[in-house]
């Protein structure tokens, strides 16, 4: 509260402290209270991840669009379950939100007795962006393109292994889908997180894997790993030299990582529309568009209705993929 918003009494009026506070509050417009409040984004991932990078890159402009402060709180743990549990316990007033990825709808297939429903216990607000995945190999792997790699795997079933960031994660299921559509076999080596996974692909301890493009881009450009394809219908502006899976000869290999904004169950339609509109404004700014392009993300803000439908479809899709991969819920 600033001095300009206080009510003014005449010299002859006696006013106690409680009356002054009440009068001052009455003089403030409702918008002033909203602008002085804070929206907290609970991210179920560690700092430096793709979800974290997108949220932080957009946070300053999102604060302007919302007319509120925006703070980011990373709550990683249990593959993202810890942060999501915090979100669903929050009040559905639009002051606590989250950004989640594909892993959000994979939970029920890989976790026994999950304490929440990834669709019923949240409020979908928008699919925000799509992050291209990229199939990478260690440069010592004798395959210069995707079809050569498929031929190599078929000739040597089980000889080459692949790394993932953990059982049941999108970076585990993406290689499993590749194996399924190409009829090849590689041994799975799960890691605890992305960083050690990438490190061992670079060092040659593991032969190949699938990464989010932004996270592997510097290693690709440095020549420490070789990128064979992006399993999407379009090339990424951040790495236009990398062919799509269809261009590389395996058109059935299609998978991307998406980022969605969600809130706790029970948010009002007005609160949902406010955040959705703020996201559209934010991601249309030159500052955020440039940041997304550098990260390799493809922005496409959806409606809340589309986001809900997408969650339901992805839940079914990944459930089937997890069964094919033979992942046993733990």
C-alpha atoms as a PDB file:
ATOM      1  CA  UNK A   1       0.000   0.000   0.000  1.00  0.00           C
ATOM      2  CA  UNK A   2       1.373   3.398  -0.954  1.00  0.00           C
ATOM      3  CA  UNK A   3       0.741   6.823   0.504  1.00  0.00           C
ATOM      4  CA  UNK A   4      -1.212   7.837  -2.552  1.00  0.00           C
ATOM      5  CA  UNK A   5      -3.881   5.262  -1.755  1.00  0.00           C
ATOM      6  CA  UNK A   6      -4.568   6.331   1.847  1.00  0.00           C
ATOM      7  CA  UNK A   7      -7.735   8.180   2.726  1.00  0.00           C
ATOM      8  CA  UNK A   8      -7.201  11.657   4.114  1.00  0.00           C
ATOM      9  CA  UNK A   9      -8.863  12.945   7.261  1.00  0.00           C
ATOM     10  CA  UNK A  10      -9.436  16.557   8.143  1.00  0.00           C
ATOM     11  CA  UNK A  11      -7.384  17.984  11.031  1.00  0.00           C
ATOM     12  CA  UNK A  12     -10.447  17.967  13.276  1.00  0.00           C
ATOM     13  CA  UNK A  13     -11.277  14.260  12.670  1.00  0.00           C
ATOM     14  CA  UNK A  14     -10.048  11.741  15.226  1.00  0.00           C
ATOM     15  CA  UNK A  15      -9.342   8.332  13.599  1.00  0.00           C
ATOM     16  CA  UNK A  16      -7.801   5.301  15.236  1.00  0.00           C
ATOM     17  CA  UNK A  17      -5.420   2.805  13.604  1.00  0.00           C
ATOM     18  CA  UNK A  18      -8.111   0.194  12.872  1.00  0.00           C
ATOM     19  CA  UNK A  19     -10.324   2.754  11.151  1.00  0.00           C
ATOM     20  CA  UNK A  20      -7.405   4.002   9.083  1.00  0.00           C
ATOM     21  CA  UNK A  21      -6.574   0.488   7.848  1.00  0.00           C
ATOM     22  CA  UNK A  22     -10.219  -0.209   6.975  1.00  0.00           C
ATOM     23  CA  UNK A  23     -10.583   3.091   5.154  1.00  0.00           C
ATOM     24  CA  UNK A  24      -7.337   2.529   3.243  1.00  0.00           C
ATOM     25  CA  UNK A  25      -8.441  -0.926   2.119  1.00  0.00           C
ATOM     26  CA  UNK A  26     -11.777   0.395   0.926  1.00  0.00           C
ATOM     27  CA  UNK A  27      -9.995   3.010  -1.160  1.00  0.00           C
ATOM     28  CA  UNK A  28      -7.924   0.416  -3.053  1.00  0.00           C
ATOM     29  CA  UNK A  29      -9.446  -1.001  -6.242  1.00  0.00           C
ATOM     30  CA  UNK A  30      -9.727  -4.779  -6.454  1.00  0.00           C
ATOM     31  CA  UNK A  31      -7.148  -4.863  -9.229  1.00  0.00           C
ATOM     32  CA  UNK A  32      -4.514  -3.567  -6.830  1.00  0.00           C
ATOM     33  CA  UNK A  33      -4.926  -6.621  -4.619  1.00  0.00           C
ATOM     34  CA  UNK A  34      -4.646  -8.973  -7.622  1.00  0.00           C
ATOM     35  CA  UNK A  35      -1.507  -7.241  -8.878  1.00  0.00           C
ATOM     36  CA  UNK A  36       0.180  -7.477  -5.505  1.00  0.00           C
ATOM     37  CA  UNK A  37      -0.455 -11.231  -5.224  1.00  0.00           C
ATOM     38  CA  UNK A  38       1.792 -14.003  -6.465  1.00  0.00           C
ATOM     39  CA  UNK A  39       1.225 -16.934  -8.788  1.00  0.00           C
ATOM     40  CA  UNK A  40       3.399 -19.913  -7.889  1.00  0.00           C
ATOM     41  CA  UNK A  41       4.414 -22.502 -10.455  1.00  0.00           C
ATOM     42  CA  UNK A  42       5.241 -25.816  -8.814  1.00  0.00           C
ATOM     43  CA  UNK A  43       7.419 -27.730 -11.263  1.00  0.00           C
ATOM     44  CA  UNK A  44       7.687 -31.492 -10.672  1.00  0.00           C
ATOM     45  CA  UNK A  45      11.153 -31.468 -12.259  1.00  0.00           C
ATOM     46  CA  UNK A  46      14.639 -30.299 -11.408  1.00  0.00           C
ATOM     47  CA  UNK A  47      16.124 -26.993 -12.513  1.00  0.00           C
ATOM     48  CA  UNK A  48      17.634 -27.156 -15.987  1.00  0.00           C
ATOM     49  CA  UNK A  49      15.105 -29.580 -17.445  1.00  0.00           C
ATOM     50  CA  UNK A  50      13.038 -28.779 -20.530  1.00  0.00           C
ATOM     51  CA  UNK A  51       9.918 -27.964 -18.512  1.00  0.00           C
ATOM     52  CA  UNK A  52      11.956 -25.733 -16.208  1.00  0.00           C
ATOM     53  CA  UNK A  53      13.634 -23.957 -19.134  1.00  0.00           C
ATOM     54  CA  UNK A  54      10.342 -23.125 -20.832  1.00  0.00           C
ATOM     55  CA  UNK A  55       8.724 -21.865 -17.631  1.00  0.00           C
ATOM     56  CA  UNK A  56      11.669 -19.680 -16.639  1.00  0.00           C
ATOM     57  CA  UNK A  57      12.039 -18.231 -20.128  1.00  0.00           C
ATOM     58  CA  UNK A  58       8.378 -17.176 -20.060  1.00  0.00           C
ATOM     59  CA  UNK A  59       8.078 -16.126 -16.410  1.00  0.00           C
ATOM     60  CA  UNK A  60       8.856 -12.405 -16.745  1.00  0.00           C
ATOM     61  CA  UNK A  61       6.412 -11.846 -19.602  1.00  0.00           C
ATOM     62  CA  UNK A  62       3.828 -14.092 -17.964  1.00  0.00           C
ATOM     63  CA  UNK A  63       3.979 -11.947 -14.835  1.00  0.00           C
ATOM     64  CA  UNK A  64       3.211  -8.901 -16.976  1.00  0.00           C
ATOM     65  CA  UNK A  65       0.341 -10.637 -18.725  1.00  0.00           C
ATOM     66  CA  UNK A  66      -1.179 -11.819 -15.438  1.00  0.00           C
ATOM     67  CA  UNK A  67      -0.503  -8.556 -13.633  1.00  0.00           C
ATOM     68  CA  UNK A  68       0.956 -10.605 -10.777  1.00  0.00           C
ATOM     69  CA  UNK A  69       4.311 -11.788  -9.540  1.00  0.00           C
ATOM     70  CA  UNK A  70       5.370 -15.223 -10.774  1.00  0.00           C
ATOM     71  CA  UNK A  71       7.620 -17.463  -8.706  1.00  0.00           C
ATOM     72  CA  UNK A  72       8.926 -20.885  -9.678  1.00  0.00           C
ATOM     73  CA  UNK A  73       9.369 -23.670  -7.171  1.00  0.00           C
ATOM     74  CA  UNK A  74      11.071 -26.880  -8.276  1.00  0.00           C
ATOM     75  CA  UNK A  75       9.815 -29.965  -6.456  1.00  0.00           C
ATOM     76  CA  UNK A  76      11.407 -32.958  -8.202  1.00  0.00           C
ATOM     77  CA  UNK A  77      11.185 -36.450  -6.826  1.00  0.00           C
ATOM     78  CA  UNK A  78       9.673 -39.858  -7.599  1.00  0.00           C
ATOM     79  CA  UNK A  79       9.712 -39.112 -11.312  1.00  0.00           C
ATOM     80  CA  UNK A  80       7.562 -36.003 -10.863  1.00  0.00           C
ATOM     81  CA  UNK A  81       5.013 -37.372  -8.424  1.00  0.00           C
ATOM     82  CA  UNK A  82       6.196 -35.236  -5.481  1.00  0.00           C
ATOM     83  CA  UNK A  83       5.588 -31.913  -7.229  1.00  0.00           C
ATOM     84  CA  UNK A  84       2.268 -33.024  -8.672  1.00  0.00           C
ATOM     85  CA  UNK A  85       1.039 -34.080  -5.249  1.00  0.00           C
ATOM     86  CA  UNK A  86       1.800 -30.569  -3.966  1.00  0.00           C
ATOM     87  CA  UNK A  87      -0.109 -29.035  -6.855  1.00  0.00           C
ATOM     88  CA  UNK A  88      -3.295 -31.046  -6.389  1.00  0.00           C
ATOM     89  CA  UNK A  89      -3.398 -30.144  -2.692  1.00  0.00           C
ATOM     90  CA  UNK A  90      -3.340 -26.408  -3.480  1.00  0.00           C
ATOM     91  CA  UNK A  91      -6.415 -24.181  -3.506  1.00  0.00           C
ATOM     92  CA  UNK A  92      -8.018 -24.001  -6.993  1.00  0.00           C
ATOM     93  CA  UNK A  93      -7.909 -20.194  -7.044  1.00  0.00           C
ATOM     94  CA  UNK A  94      -5.463 -19.781  -9.915  1.00  0.00           C
ATOM     95  CA  UNK A  95      -2.618 -18.798  -7.596  1.00  0.00           C
ATOM     96  CA  UNK A  96      -0.892 -22.192  -7.801  1.00  0.00           C
ATOM     97  CA  UNK A  97      -0.163 -23.703 -11.200  1.00  0.00           C
ATOM     98  CA  UNK A  98       2.253 -26.115 -12.826  1.00  0.00           C
ATOM     99  CA  UNK A  99       3.895 -27.030 -16.101  1.00  0.00           C
ATOM    100  CA  UNK A 100       3.973 -30.759 -16.797  1.00  0.00           C
ATOM    101  CA  UNK A 101       5.145 -33.035 -19.585  1.00  0.00           C
ATOM    102  CA  UNK A 102       4.278 -36.432 -21.076  1.00  0.00           C
ATOM    103  CA  UNK A 103       5.427 -38.104 -17.870  1.00  0.00           C
ATOM    104  CA  UNK A 104       2.287 -36.759 -16.181  1.00  0.00           C
ATOM    105  CA  UNK A 105       0.064 -39.184 -18.102  1.00  0.00           C
ATOM    106  CA  UNK A 106       2.568 -42.050 -17.929  1.00  0.00           C
ATOM    107  CA  UNK A 107       2.378 -42.248 -14.106  1.00  0.00           C
ATOM    108  CA  UNK A 108      -0.649 -44.593 -13.847  1.00  0.00           C
ATOM    109  CA  UNK A 109       1.037 -47.170 -16.077  1.00  0.00           C
ATOM    110  CA  UNK A 110       4.338 -47.332 -14.200  1.00  0.00           C
ATOM    111  CA  UNK A 111       3.460 -46.542 -10.569  1.00  0.00           C
ATOM    112  CA  UNK A 112       1.459 -48.867  -8.354  1.00  0.00           C
ATOM    113  CA  UNK A 113      -1.243 -47.281  -6.235  1.00  0.00           C
ATOM    114  CA  UNK A 114      -0.712 -43.782  -7.586  1.00  0.00           C
ATOM    115  CA  UNK A 115      -2.183 -41.318  -5.088  1.00  0.00           C
ATOM    116  CA  UNK A 116      -3.870 -39.123  -7.704  1.00  0.00           C
ATOM    117  CA  UNK A 117      -5.619 -39.272 -11.049  1.00  0.00           C
ATOM    118  CA  UNK A 118      -3.556 -37.352 -13.649  1.00  0.00           C
ATOM    119  CA  UNK A 119      -6.713 -36.161 -15.408  1.00  0.00           C
ATOM    120  CA  UNK A 120      -9.494 -36.002 -12.814  1.00  0.00           C
ATOM    121  CA  UNK A 121      -7.377 -34.369 -10.095  1.00  0.00           C
ATOM    122  CA  UNK A 122      -6.057 -31.453 -12.154  1.00  0.00           C
ATOM    123  CA  UNK A 123      -7.495 -28.676 -14.313  1.00  0.00           C
ATOM    124  CA  UNK A 124      -5.965 -28.639 -17.816  1.00  0.00           C
ATOM    125  CA  UNK A 125      -5.397 -25.061 -18.962  1.00  0.00           C
ATOM    126  CA  UNK A 126      -3.409 -25.387 -22.186  1.00  0.00           C
ATOM    127  CA  UNK A 127      -0.918 -27.449 -24.112  1.00  0.00           C
ATOM    128  CA  UNK A 128       1.783 -24.803 -24.376  1.00  0.00           C
ATOM    129  CA  UNK A 129       4.542 -26.167 -26.578  1.00  0.00           C
ATOM    130  CA  UNK A 130       6.025 -29.224 -28.193  1.00  0.00           C
ATOM    131  CA  UNK A 131       9.668 -30.078 -27.683  1.00  0.00           C
ATOM    132  CA  UNK A 132      11.221 -32.173 -30.450  1.00  0.00           C
ATOM    133  CA  UNK A 133      12.887 -35.393 -29.404  1.00  0.00           C
ATOM    134  CA  UNK A 134      16.042 -36.496 -31.173  1.00  0.00           C
ATOM    135  CA  UNK A 135      17.567 -39.932 -31.614  1.00  0.00           C
ATOM    136  CA  UNK A 136      21.287 -39.698 -30.918  1.00  0.00           C
ATOM    137  CA  UNK A 137      24.168 -42.170 -31.141  1.00  0.00           C
ATOM    138  CA  UNK A 138      27.750 -42.110 -29.958  1.00  0.00           C
ATOM    139  CA  UNK A 139      29.995 -41.142 -32.915  1.00  0.00           C
ATOM    140  CA  UNK A 140      31.755 -44.530 -32.686  1.00  0.00           C
ATOM    141  CA  UNK A 141      28.538 -46.269 -33.753  1.00  0.00           C
ATOM    142  CA  UNK A 142      29.141 -47.133 -37.431  1.00  0.00           C
ATOM    143  CA  UNK A 143      25.929 -45.664 -38.802  1.00  0.00           C
ATOM    144  CA  UNK A 144      25.806 -42.286 -40.503  1.00  0.00           C
ATOM    145  CA  UNK A 145      22.036 -42.146 -40.974  1.00  0.00           C
ATOM    146  CA  UNK A 146      18.861 -43.709 -39.621  1.00  0.00           C
ATOM    147  CA  UNK A 147      18.462 -46.491 -42.182  1.00  0.00           C
ATOM    148  CA  UNK A 148      22.083 -47.543 -41.674  1.00  0.00           C
ATOM    149  CA  UNK A 149      21.396 -47.601 -37.933  1.00  0.00           C
ATOM    150  CA  UNK A 150      18.316 -49.792 -38.391  1.00  0.00           C
ATOM    151  CA  UNK A 151      20.321 -52.171 -40.577  1.00  0.00           C
ATOM    152  CA  UNK A 152      23.103 -52.264 -37.968  1.00  0.00           C
ATOM    153  CA  UNK A 153      20.685 -53.141 -35.163  1.00  0.00           C
ATOM    154  CA  UNK A 154      19.000 -55.849 -37.245  1.00  0.00           C
ATOM    155  CA  UNK A 155      22.354 -57.380 -38.100  1.00  0.00           C
ATOM    156  CA  UNK A 156      23.482 -57.304 -34.467  1.00  0.00           C
ATOM    157  CA  UNK A 157      20.429 -57.893 -32.229  1.00  0.00           C
ATOM    158  CA  UNK A 158      21.274 -57.126 -28.604  1.00  0.00           C
ATOM    159  CA  UNK A 159      24.831 -55.932 -29.309  1.00  0.00           C
ATOM    160  CA  UNK A 160      24.001 -52.234 -28.987  1.00  0.00           C
ATOM    161  CA  UNK A 161      22.426 -50.748 -25.879  1.00  0.00           C
ATOM    162  CA  UNK A 162      20.476 -47.595 -25.226  1.00  0.00           C
ATOM    163  CA  UNK A 163      20.204 -45.289 -22.227  1.00  0.00           C
ATOM    164  CA  UNK A 164      17.154 -43.667 -20.690  1.00  0.00           C
ATOM    165  CA  UNK A 165      16.525 -41.242 -17.857  1.00  0.00           C
ATOM    166  CA  UNK A 166      14.629 -43.954 -15.964  1.00  0.00           C
ATOM    167  CA  UNK A 167      12.137 -46.785 -16.365  1.00  0.00           C
ATOM    168  CA  UNK A 168       8.821 -45.652 -17.779  1.00  0.00           C
ATOM    169  CA  UNK A 169       9.931 -42.119 -18.657  1.00  0.00           C
ATOM    170  CA  UNK A 170       9.334 -40.596 -22.064  1.00  0.00           C
ATOM    171  CA  UNK A 171      13.059 -41.099 -22.796  1.00  0.00           C
ATOM    172  CA  UNK A 172      12.544 -44.808 -22.149  1.00  0.00           C
ATOM    173  CA  UNK A 173       9.343 -45.190 -24.132  1.00  0.00           C
ATOM    174  CA  UNK A 174      10.654 -43.256 -27.155  1.00  0.00           C
ATOM    175  CA  UNK A 175      13.406 -45.818 -27.879  1.00  0.00           C
ATOM    176  CA  UNK A 176      10.927 -48.630 -27.163  1.00  0.00           C
ATOM    177  CA  UNK A 177       8.619 -47.217 -29.816  1.00  0.00           C
ATOM    178  CA  UNK A 178      11.570 -47.040 -32.214  1.00  0.00           C
ATOM    179  CA  UNK A 179      12.373 -50.701 -31.538  1.00  0.00           C
ATOM    180  CA  UNK A 180       8.728 -51.624 -32.095  1.00  0.00           C
ATOM    181  CA  UNK A 181       8.284 -49.879 -35.455  1.00  0.00           C
ATOM    182  CA  UNK A 182      11.671 -51.008 -36.814  1.00  0.00           C
ATOM    183  CA  UNK A 183      11.615 -54.593 -35.512  1.00  0.00           C
ATOM    184  CA  UNK A 184      15.001 -54.197 -33.836  1.00  0.00           C
ATOM    185  CA  UNK A 185      16.334 -55.022 -30.380  1.00  0.00           C
ATOM    186  CA  UNK A 186      18.660 -53.125 -28.057  1.00  0.00           C
ATOM    187  CA  UNK A 187      19.358 -53.589 -24.369  1.00  0.00           C
ATOM    188  CA  UNK A 188      17.900 -50.925 -22.090  1.00  0.00           C
ATOM    189  CA  UNK A 189      20.214 -49.247 -19.569  1.00  0.00           C
ATOM    190  CA  UNK A 190      18.134 -47.012 -17.227  1.00  0.00           C
ATOM    191  CA  UNK A 191      19.755 -44.086 -15.412  1.00  0.00           C
ATOM    192  CA  UNK A 192      18.636 -41.885 -12.558  1.00  0.00           C
ATOM    193  CA  UNK A 193      17.958 -38.725 -14.520  1.00  0.00           C
ATOM    194  CA  UNK A 194      18.951 -37.201 -17.829  1.00  0.00           C
ATOM    195  CA  UNK A 195      22.433 -35.827 -17.070  1.00  0.00           C
ATOM    196  CA  UNK A 196      24.159 -39.166 -16.376  1.00  0.00           C
ATOM    197  CA  UNK A 197      22.313 -40.727 -19.296  1.00  0.00           C
ATOM    198  CA  UNK A 198      23.655 -38.159 -21.762  1.00  0.00           C
ATOM    199  CA  UNK A 199      27.117 -38.262 -20.227  1.00  0.00           C
ATOM    200  CA  UNK A 200      27.425 -41.993 -20.876  1.00  0.00           C
ATOM    201  CA  UNK A 201      26.186 -41.702 -24.453  1.00  0.00           C
ATOM    202  CA  UNK A 202      28.825 -39.025 -25.046  1.00  0.00           C
ATOM    203  CA  UNK A 203      31.543 -41.142 -23.428  1.00  0.00           C
ATOM    204  CA  UNK A 204      30.520 -44.263 -25.340  1.00  0.00           C
ATOM    205  CA  UNK A 205      29.546 -46.291 -22.288  1.00  0.00           C
ATOM    206  CA  UNK A 206      26.126 -46.556 -23.939  1.00  0.00           C
ATOM    207  CA  UNK A 207      25.555 -46.582 -27.696  1.00  0.00           C
ATOM    208  CA  UNK A 208      22.415 -44.563 -28.232  1.00  0.00           C
ATOM    209  CA  UNK A 209      19.326 -42.953 -26.778  1.00  0.00           C
ATOM    210  CA  UNK A 210      16.570 -40.410 -27.309  1.00  0.00           C
ATOM    211  CA  UNK A 211      16.815 -36.932 -25.809  1.00  0.00           C
ATOM    212  CA  UNK A 212      14.830 -33.738 -25.819  1.00  0.00           C
ATOM    213  CA  UNK A 213      16.503 -31.712 -28.566  1.00  0.00           C
ATOM    214  CA  UNK A 214      17.261 -28.603 -26.447  1.00  0.00           C
ATOM    215  CA  UNK A 215      19.036 -30.683 -23.813  1.00  0.00           C
ATOM    216  CA  UNK A 216      21.320 -32.405 -26.347  1.00  0.00           C
ATOM    217  CA  UNK A 217      21.780 -29.569 -28.831  1.00  0.00           C
ATOM    218  CA  UNK A 218      25.161 -28.365 -27.551  1.00  0.00           C
ATOM    219  CA  UNK A 219      26.554 -31.914 -27.628  1.00  0.00           C
ATOM    220  CA  UNK A 220      25.205 -32.408 -31.157  1.00  0.00           C
ATOM    221  CA  UNK A 221      26.771 -29.175 -32.397  1.00  0.00           C
ATOM    222  CA  UNK A 222      30.075 -30.069 -30.710  1.00  0.00           C
ATOM    223  CA  UNK A 223      30.103 -33.416 -32.508  1.00  0.00           C
ATOM    224  CA  UNK A 224      30.041 -35.389 -29.266  1.00  0.00           C
ATOM    225  CA  UNK A 225      26.917 -37.256 -30.392  1.00  0.00           C
ATOM    226  CA  UNK A 226      25.433 -37.838 -33.834  1.00  0.00           C
ATOM    227  CA  UNK A 227      21.779 -36.924 -34.403  1.00  0.00           C
ATOM    228  CA  UNK A 228      19.969 -39.327 -36.732  1.00  0.00           C
ATOM    229  CA  UNK A 229      16.399 -38.021 -36.724  1.00  0.00           C
ATOM    230  CA  UNK A 230      13.669 -36.010 -35.074  1.00  0.00           C
ATOM    231  CA  UNK A 231      10.495 -38.156 -34.754  1.00  0.00           C
ATOM    232  CA  UNK A 232       8.128 -35.352 -35.772  1.00  0.00           C
ATOM    233  CA  UNK A 233       6.443 -34.244 -38.983  1.00  0.00           C
ATOM    234  CA  UNK A 234       8.546 -31.085 -39.239  1.00  0.00           C
ATOM    235  CA  UNK A 235      12.175 -30.178 -38.720  1.00  0.00           C
ATOM    236  CA  UNK A 236      13.188 -28.035 -35.787  1.00  0.00           C
ATOM    237  CA  UNK A 237      14.213 -24.418 -36.495  1.00  0.00           C
ATOM    238  CA  UNK A 238      16.899 -24.856 -33.820  1.00  0.00           C
ATOM    239  CA  UNK A 239      18.543 -27.669 -35.807  1.00  0.00           C
ATOM    240  CA  UNK A 240      17.194 -27.603 -39.367  1.00  0.00           C
ATOM    241  CA  UNK A 241      19.959 -29.927 -40.547  1.00  0.00           C
ATOM    242  CA  UNK A 242      18.496 -32.892 -38.630  1.00  0.00           C
ATOM    243  CA  UNK A 243      15.973 -34.806 -40.774  1.00  0.00           C
ATOM    244  CA  UNK A 244      12.568 -35.903 -39.562  1.00  0.00           C
ATOM    245  CA  UNK A 245      12.009 -39.625 -39.079  1.00  0.00           C
ATOM    246  CA  UNK A 246       9.928 -39.739 -42.270  1.00  0.00           C
ATOM    247  CA  UNK A 247      12.666 -38.022 -44.250  1.00  0.00           C
ATOM    248  CA  UNK A 248      15.202 -40.411 -42.720  1.00  0.00           C
ATOM    249  CA  UNK A 249      13.211 -43.448 -43.851  1.00  0.00           C
ATOM    250  CA  UNK A 250      11.115 -44.489 -40.804  1.00  0.00           C
ATOM    251  CA  UNK A 251       7.823 -42.589 -41.154  1.00  0.00           C
ATOM    252  CA  UNK A 252       5.990 -44.638 -38.494  1.00  0.00           C
ATOM    253  CA  UNK A 253       8.335 -43.377 -35.790  1.00  0.00           C
ATOM    254  CA  UNK A 254       6.418 -40.355 -34.492  1.00  0.00           C
ATOM    255  CA  UNK A 255       6.668 -39.032 -30.931  1.00  0.00           C
ATOM    256  CA  UNK A 256       7.185 -35.647 -29.340  1.00  0.00           C
ATOM    257  CA  UNK A 257       7.494 -34.209 -25.860  1.00  0.00           C
ATOM    258  CA  UNK A 258       4.787 -31.732 -24.929  1.00  0.00           C
ATOM    259  CA  UNK A 259       4.542 -29.176 -22.152  1.00  0.00           C
ATOM    260  CA  UNK A 260       1.175 -28.297 -20.588  1.00  0.00           C
ATOM    261  CA  UNK A 261      -0.005 -25.750 -18.055  1.00  0.00           C
ATOM    262  CA  UNK A 262      -2.317 -27.184 -15.414  1.00  0.00           C
ATOM    263  CA  UNK A 263      -3.870 -26.191 -12.115  1.00  0.00           C
ATOM    264  CA  UNK A 264      -5.512 -28.013  -9.210  1.00  0.00           C
ATOM    265  CA  UNK A 265      -8.896 -29.654  -9.670  1.00  0.00           C
ATOM    266  CA  UNK A 266     -11.841 -27.289  -9.415  1.00  0.00           C
ATOM    267  CA  UNK A 267     -10.504 -24.073 -10.939  1.00  0.00           C
ATOM    268  CA  UNK A 268     -13.283 -21.799 -12.146  1.00  0.00           C
ATOM    269  CA  UNK A 269     -13.820 -21.250 -15.851  1.00  0.00           C
ATOM    270  CA  UNK A 270     -12.925 -17.579 -15.370  1.00  0.00           C
ATOM    271  CA  UNK A 271      -9.601 -18.437 -13.719  1.00  0.00           C
ATOM    272  CA  UNK A 272      -8.772 -20.956 -16.445  1.00  0.00           C
ATOM    273  CA  UNK A 273      -9.551 -18.469 -19.211  1.00  0.00           C
ATOM    274  CA  UNK A 274      -7.483 -15.772 -17.495  1.00  0.00           C
ATOM    275  CA  UNK A 275      -4.400 -17.989 -17.398  1.00  0.00           C
ATOM    276  CA  UNK A 276      -4.983 -19.306 -20.913  1.00  0.00           C
ATOM    277  CA  UNK A 277      -5.228 -15.753 -22.275  1.00  0.00           C
ATOM    278  CA  UNK A 278      -2.084 -14.751 -20.373  1.00  0.00           C
ATOM    279  CA  UNK A 279      -0.206 -17.695 -21.898  1.00  0.00           C
ATOM    280  CA  UNK A 280      -1.281 -16.657 -25.390  1.00  0.00           C
ATOM    281  CA  UNK A 281      -0.098 -13.101 -24.781  1.00  0.00           C
ATOM    282  CA  UNK A 282       3.161 -14.256 -23.205  1.00  0.00           C
ATOM    283  CA  UNK A 283       4.215 -16.708 -25.893  1.00  0.00           C
ATOM    284  CA  UNK A 284       3.392 -14.206 -28.640  1.00  0.00           C
ATOM    285  CA  UNK A 285       5.983 -11.709 -27.367  1.00  0.00           C
ATOM    286  CA  UNK A 286       9.234 -11.421 -29.306  1.00  0.00           C
ATOM    287  CA  UNK A 287      11.265 -12.100 -26.169  1.00  0.00           C
ATOM    288  CA  UNK A 288       9.601 -15.435 -25.450  1.00  0.00           C
ATOM    289  CA  UNK A 289       9.356 -16.453 -29.106  1.00  0.00           C
ATOM    290  CA  UNK A 290      13.106 -15.949 -29.469  1.00  0.00           C
ATOM    291  CA  UNK A 291      13.779 -17.948 -26.308  1.00  0.00           C
ATOM    292  CA  UNK A 292      11.562 -20.799 -27.489  1.00  0.00           C
ATOM    293  CA  UNK A 293      13.241 -20.854 -30.906  1.00  0.00           C
ATOM    294  CA  UNK A 294      16.694 -21.043 -29.313  1.00  0.00           C
ATOM    295  CA  UNK A 295      15.537 -23.906 -27.113  1.00  0.00           C
ATOM    296  CA  UNK A 296      14.089 -25.696 -30.125  1.00  0.00           C
ATOM    297  CA  UNK A 297      10.521 -25.631 -28.846  1.00  0.00           C
ATOM    298  CA  UNK A 298       7.466 -25.278 -31.074  1.00  0.00           C
ATOM    299  CA  UNK A 299       4.840 -23.063 -29.435  1.00  0.00           C
ATOM    300  CA  UNK A 300       1.169 -23.819 -30.003  1.00  0.00           C
ATOM    301  CA  UNK A 301      -1.142 -22.678 -27.196  1.00  0.00           C
ATOM    302  CA  UNK A 302      -4.251 -24.852 -27.125  1.00  0.00           C
ATOM    303  CA  UNK A 303      -7.678 -24.333 -25.635  1.00  0.00           C
ATOM    304  CA  UNK A 304      -8.457 -25.891 -22.236  1.00  0.00           C
ATOM    305  CA  UNK A 305     -10.857 -28.268 -23.990  1.00  0.00           C
ATOM    306  CA  UNK A 306      -8.155 -29.494 -26.365  1.00  0.00           C
ATOM    307  CA  UNK A 307      -5.745 -29.953 -23.441  1.00  0.00           C
ATOM    308  CA  UNK A 308      -8.262 -32.138 -21.579  1.00  0.00           C
ATOM    309  CA  UNK A 309      -8.911 -34.286 -24.652  1.00  0.00           C
ATOM    310  CA  UNK A 310      -5.167 -34.557 -25.323  1.00  0.00           C
ATOM    311  CA  UNK A 311      -4.501 -35.768 -21.766  1.00  0.00           C
ATOM    312  CA  UNK A 312      -7.142 -38.482 -22.106  1.00  0.00           C
ATOM    313  CA  UNK A 313      -5.796 -39.716 -25.451  1.00  0.00           C
ATOM    314  CA  UNK A 314      -2.177 -39.663 -24.289  1.00  0.00           C
ATOM    315  CA  UNK A 315      -3.119 -41.617 -21.165  1.00  0.00           C
ATOM    316  CA  UNK A 316      -4.392 -44.444 -23.366  1.00  0.00           C
ATOM    317  CA  UNK A 317      -1.501 -44.196 -25.823  1.00  0.00           C
ATOM    318  CA  UNK A 318       1.236 -44.435 -23.217  1.00  0.00           C
ATOM    319  CA  UNK A 319      -0.579 -47.141 -21.330  1.00  0.00           C
ATOM    320  CA  UNK A 320      -0.382 -49.335 -24.435  1.00  0.00           C
ATOM    321  CA  UNK A 321       3.259 -48.396 -25.048  1.00  0.00           C
ATOM    322  CA  UNK A 322       4.257 -49.216 -21.474  1.00  0.00           C
ATOM    323  CA  UNK A 323       2.706 -52.689 -21.829  1.00  0.00           C
ATOM    324  CA  UNK A 324       4.582 -53.272 -25.091  1.00  0.00           C
ATOM    325  CA  UNK A 325       7.813 -52.190 -23.411  1.00  0.00           C
ATOM    326  CA  UNK A 326       7.220 -54.732 -20.672  1.00  0.00           C
ATOM    327  CA  UNK A 327       7.559 -52.163 -17.897  1.00  0.00           C
ATOM    328  CA  UNK A 328       6.343 -53.593 -14.605  1.00  0.00           C
ATOM    329  CA  UNK A 329       4.670 -50.981 -12.353  1.00  0.00           C
ATOM    330  CA  UNK A 330       6.667 -50.372  -9.179  1.00  0.00           C
END
